[in-house]
Amino acid sequence: MTTLSFSEDGVDVVYEGTEFRLERDLVEDATQKNYFDVTDHEVLRMVEDDPQLSGEARQISDIVER
C-alpha cells in the first residue's frame, strides 16, 4: 500500500516501506501542470506502475489547506 501526504511544497510518500519526498517542482515537471492542479491519482501513477485507483481523483488544491 502506498501512502501520500500532501503539503504546499511537496508530497511525502511511503511506498513498499520506503519513505521519500516528491518536491513540488518535480511534480510540476513530471505532469507539466501547476502543482495545485495535479490530482492525487496522477501523483500515485508517478509512484506505482499500475496503481489501484479508488474513489474520485482530487486536486492537490482541494487536499491542502492554503
N, C-alpha and C. Protein backbone atom coordinates (compact mmCIF):
# COMPACT_ATOMS: atom_id res chain seq x y z
N MET A 1 0.85 -1.19 0.00
CA MET A 1 0.00 0.00 0.00
C MET A 1 0.89 1.25 0.00
N THR A 2 0.48 2.23 -0.76
CA THR A 2 1.21 3.49 -0.85
C THR A 2 0.45 4.57 -0.10
N THR A 3 1.17 5.35 0.68
CA THR A 3 0.57 6.45 1.42
C THR A 3 1.13 7.76 0.90
N LEU A 4 0.24 8.72 0.60
CA LEU A 4 0.63 10.04 0.12
C LEU A 4 0.18 11.07 1.14
N SER A 5 1.09 11.97 1.52
CA SER A 5 0.76 13.08 2.42
C SER A 5 1.16 14.37 1.73
N PHE A 6 0.18 15.18 1.41
CA PHE A 6 0.40 16.39 0.62
C PHE A 6 0.62 17.62 1.50
N SER A 7 1.53 18.49 1.06
CA SER A 7 1.72 19.79 1.69
C SER A 7 1.89 20.81 0.57
N GLU A 8 2.04 22.06 0.92
CA GLU A 8 2.17 23.11 -0.09
C GLU A 8 3.43 22.98 -0.94
N ASP A 9 4.45 22.32 -0.40
CA ASP A 9 5.72 22.28 -1.13
C ASP A 9 6.13 20.89 -1.59
N GLY A 10 5.25 19.90 -1.49
CA GLY A 10 5.58 18.58 -1.99
C GLY A 10 4.73 17.48 -1.38
N VAL A 11 5.10 16.25 -1.72
CA VAL A 11 4.34 15.08 -1.27
C VAL A 11 5.28 14.12 -0.55
N ASP A 12 4.93 13.76 0.68
CA ASP A 12 5.65 12.72 1.39
C ASP A 12 5.01 11.39 1.00
N VAL A 13 5.85 10.43 0.61
CA VAL A 13 5.37 9.16 0.09
C VAL A 13 5.95 8.02 0.92
N VAL A 14 5.12 7.02 1.20
CA VAL A 14 5.59 5.76 1.75
C VAL A 14 5.17 4.69 0.75
N TYR A 15 6.16 4.08 0.10
CA TYR A 15 5.91 3.08 -0.94
C TYR A 15 6.69 1.82 -0.61
N GLU A 16 5.98 0.74 -0.38
CA GLU A 16 6.58 -0.55 -0.04
C GLU A 16 7.60 -0.42 1.09
N GLY A 17 7.23 0.36 2.10
CA GLY A 17 8.06 0.53 3.29
C GLY A 17 9.17 1.56 3.16
N THR A 18 9.31 2.17 2.00
CA THR A 18 10.33 3.19 1.77
C THR A 18 9.70 4.57 1.79
N GLU A 19 10.27 5.46 2.60
CA GLU A 19 9.77 6.83 2.69
C GLU A 19 10.63 7.76 1.85
N PHE A 20 9.97 8.63 1.08
CA PHE A 20 10.69 9.64 0.30
C PHE A 20 9.76 10.81 0.03
N ARG A 21 10.33 11.85 -0.54
CA ARG A 21 9.57 13.08 -0.80
C ARG A 21 9.64 13.43 -2.28
N LEU A 22 8.49 13.78 -2.84
CA LEU A 22 8.41 14.34 -4.20
C LEU A 22 8.24 15.84 -4.04
N GLU A 23 9.26 16.59 -4.38
CA GLU A 23 9.20 18.04 -4.26
C GLU A 23 8.20 18.62 -5.26
N ARG A 24 7.64 19.74 -4.92
CA ARG A 24 6.66 20.43 -5.75
C ARG A 24 7.16 20.61 -7.19
N ASP A 25 8.41 21.06 -7.36
CA ASP A 25 8.97 21.28 -8.70
C ASP A 25 9.01 19.98 -9.51
N LEU A 26 9.35 18.88 -8.86
CA LEU A 26 9.40 17.59 -9.54
C LEU A 26 8.02 17.19 -10.04
N VAL A 27 7.01 17.35 -9.21
CA VAL A 27 5.64 17.00 -9.59
C VAL A 27 5.19 17.87 -10.76
N GLU A 28 5.50 19.17 -10.71
CA GLU A 28 5.13 20.07 -11.80
C GLU A 28 5.85 19.70 -13.09
N ASP A 29 7.13 19.39 -13.01
CA ASP A 29 7.89 18.99 -14.20
C ASP A 29 7.35 17.70 -14.80
N ALA A 30 7.02 16.74 -13.96
CA ALA A 30 6.56 15.44 -14.43
C ALA A 30 5.17 15.51 -15.07
N THR A 31 4.33 16.39 -14.55
CA THR A 31 2.95 16.46 -15.05
C THR A 31 2.73 17.60 -16.04
N GLN A 32 3.68 18.54 -16.08
CA GLN A 32 3.55 19.75 -16.92
C GLN A 32 2.30 20.55 -16.53
N LYS A 33 2.00 20.54 -15.23
CA LYS A 33 0.85 21.26 -14.68
C LYS A 33 1.27 22.00 -13.42
N ASN A 34 0.49 23.01 -13.07
CA ASN A 34 0.68 23.67 -11.79
C ASN A 34 0.45 22.64 -10.68
N TYR A 35 1.28 22.68 -9.66
CA TYR A 35 1.22 21.71 -8.57
C TYR A 35 -0.19 21.55 -8.01
N PHE A 36 -0.88 22.66 -7.78
CA PHE A 36 -2.20 22.60 -7.15
C PHE A 36 -3.29 22.08 -8.09
N ASP A 37 -2.99 21.97 -9.39
CA ASP A 37 -3.94 21.41 -10.35
C ASP A 37 -3.76 19.91 -10.56
N VAL A 38 -2.68 19.36 -10.04
CA VAL A 38 -2.39 17.93 -10.15
C VAL A 38 -3.32 17.17 -9.21
N THR A 39 -3.73 15.96 -9.61
CA THR A 39 -4.60 15.16 -8.75
C THR A 39 -3.80 14.12 -7.97
N ASP A 40 -4.41 13.62 -6.92
CA ASP A 40 -3.79 12.56 -6.13
C ASP A 40 -3.56 11.32 -6.98
N HIS A 41 -4.46 11.04 -7.92
CA HIS A 41 -4.29 9.88 -8.80
C HIS A 41 -3.07 10.04 -9.70
N GLU A 42 -2.83 11.25 -10.18
CA GLU A 42 -1.65 11.50 -11.02
C GLU A 42 -0.37 11.26 -10.23
N VAL A 43 -0.34 11.72 -8.99
CA VAL A 43 0.84 11.51 -8.15
C VAL A 43 1.03 10.02 -7.88
N LEU A 44 -0.04 9.32 -7.60
CA LEU A 44 0.05 7.88 -7.36
C LEU A 44 0.59 7.15 -8.59
N ARG A 45 0.20 7.58 -9.78
CA ARG A 45 0.73 6.98 -11.01
C ARG A 45 2.22 7.26 -11.18
N MET A 46 2.71 8.35 -10.62
CA MET A 46 4.14 8.64 -10.67
C MET A 46 4.93 7.65 -9.81
N VAL A 47 4.31 7.16 -8.76
CA VAL A 47 4.98 6.29 -7.80
C VAL A 47 4.84 4.81 -8.18
N GLU A 48 3.64 4.40 -8.56
CA GLU A 48 3.36 2.99 -8.85
C GLU A 48 3.14 2.79 -10.35
N ASP A 49 3.54 1.61 -10.85
CA ASP A 49 3.34 1.28 -12.25
C ASP A 49 1.88 1.10 -12.60
N ASP A 50 1.15 0.35 -11.79
CA ASP A 50 -0.26 0.05 -12.06
C ASP A 50 -1.05 0.18 -10.76
N PRO A 51 -1.28 1.43 -10.33
CA PRO A 51 -1.92 1.63 -9.02
C PRO A 51 -3.39 1.22 -9.00
N GLN A 52 -3.84 0.82 -7.84
CA GLN A 52 -5.26 0.53 -7.61
C GLN A 52 -5.93 1.86 -7.26
N LEU A 53 -6.57 2.48 -8.24
CA LEU A 53 -7.21 3.78 -8.02
C LEU A 53 -8.63 3.57 -7.54
N SER A 54 -8.97 4.24 -6.47
CA SER A 54 -10.33 4.14 -5.96
C SER A 54 -10.85 5.53 -5.63
N GLY A 55 -12.13 5.68 -5.71
CA GLY A 55 -12.73 6.97 -5.44
C GLY A 55 -12.45 7.96 -6.56
N GLU A 56 -12.94 9.15 -6.37
CA GLU A 56 -12.76 10.20 -7.36
C GLU A 56 -11.44 10.92 -7.14
N ALA A 57 -10.75 11.24 -8.23
CA ALA A 57 -9.49 11.97 -8.13
C ALA A 57 -9.74 13.35 -7.51
N ARG A 58 -8.81 13.78 -6.65
CA ARG A 58 -8.92 15.10 -6.02
C ARG A 58 -7.69 15.92 -6.34
N GLN A 59 -7.89 17.18 -6.66
CA GLN A 59 -6.77 18.06 -6.91
C GLN A 59 -6.06 18.37 -5.60
N ILE A 60 -4.76 18.60 -5.71
CA ILE A 60 -3.97 18.93 -4.52
C ILE A 60 -4.53 20.19 -3.86
N SER A 61 -5.03 21.14 -4.66
CA SER A 61 -5.61 22.36 -4.09
C SER A 61 -6.79 22.06 -3.18
N ASP A 62 -7.50 20.95 -3.41
CA ASP A 62 -8.62 20.58 -2.56
C ASP A 62 -8.18 19.81 -1.31
N ILE A 63 -6.96 19.27 -1.36
CA ILE A 63 -6.44 18.48 -0.25
C ILE A 63 -5.68 19.34 0.75
N VAL A 64 -4.86 20.26 0.21
CA VAL A 64 -4.00 21.11 1.04
C VAL A 64 -4.73 22.40 1.37
N GLU A 65 -4.80 22.71 2.64
CA GLU A 65 -5.40 23.98 3.05
C GLU A 65 -4.33 25.07 2.98
N ARG A 66 -4.58 26.07 2.15
CA ARG A 66 -3.59 27.15 1.98
C ARG A 66 -4.05 28.39 2.69
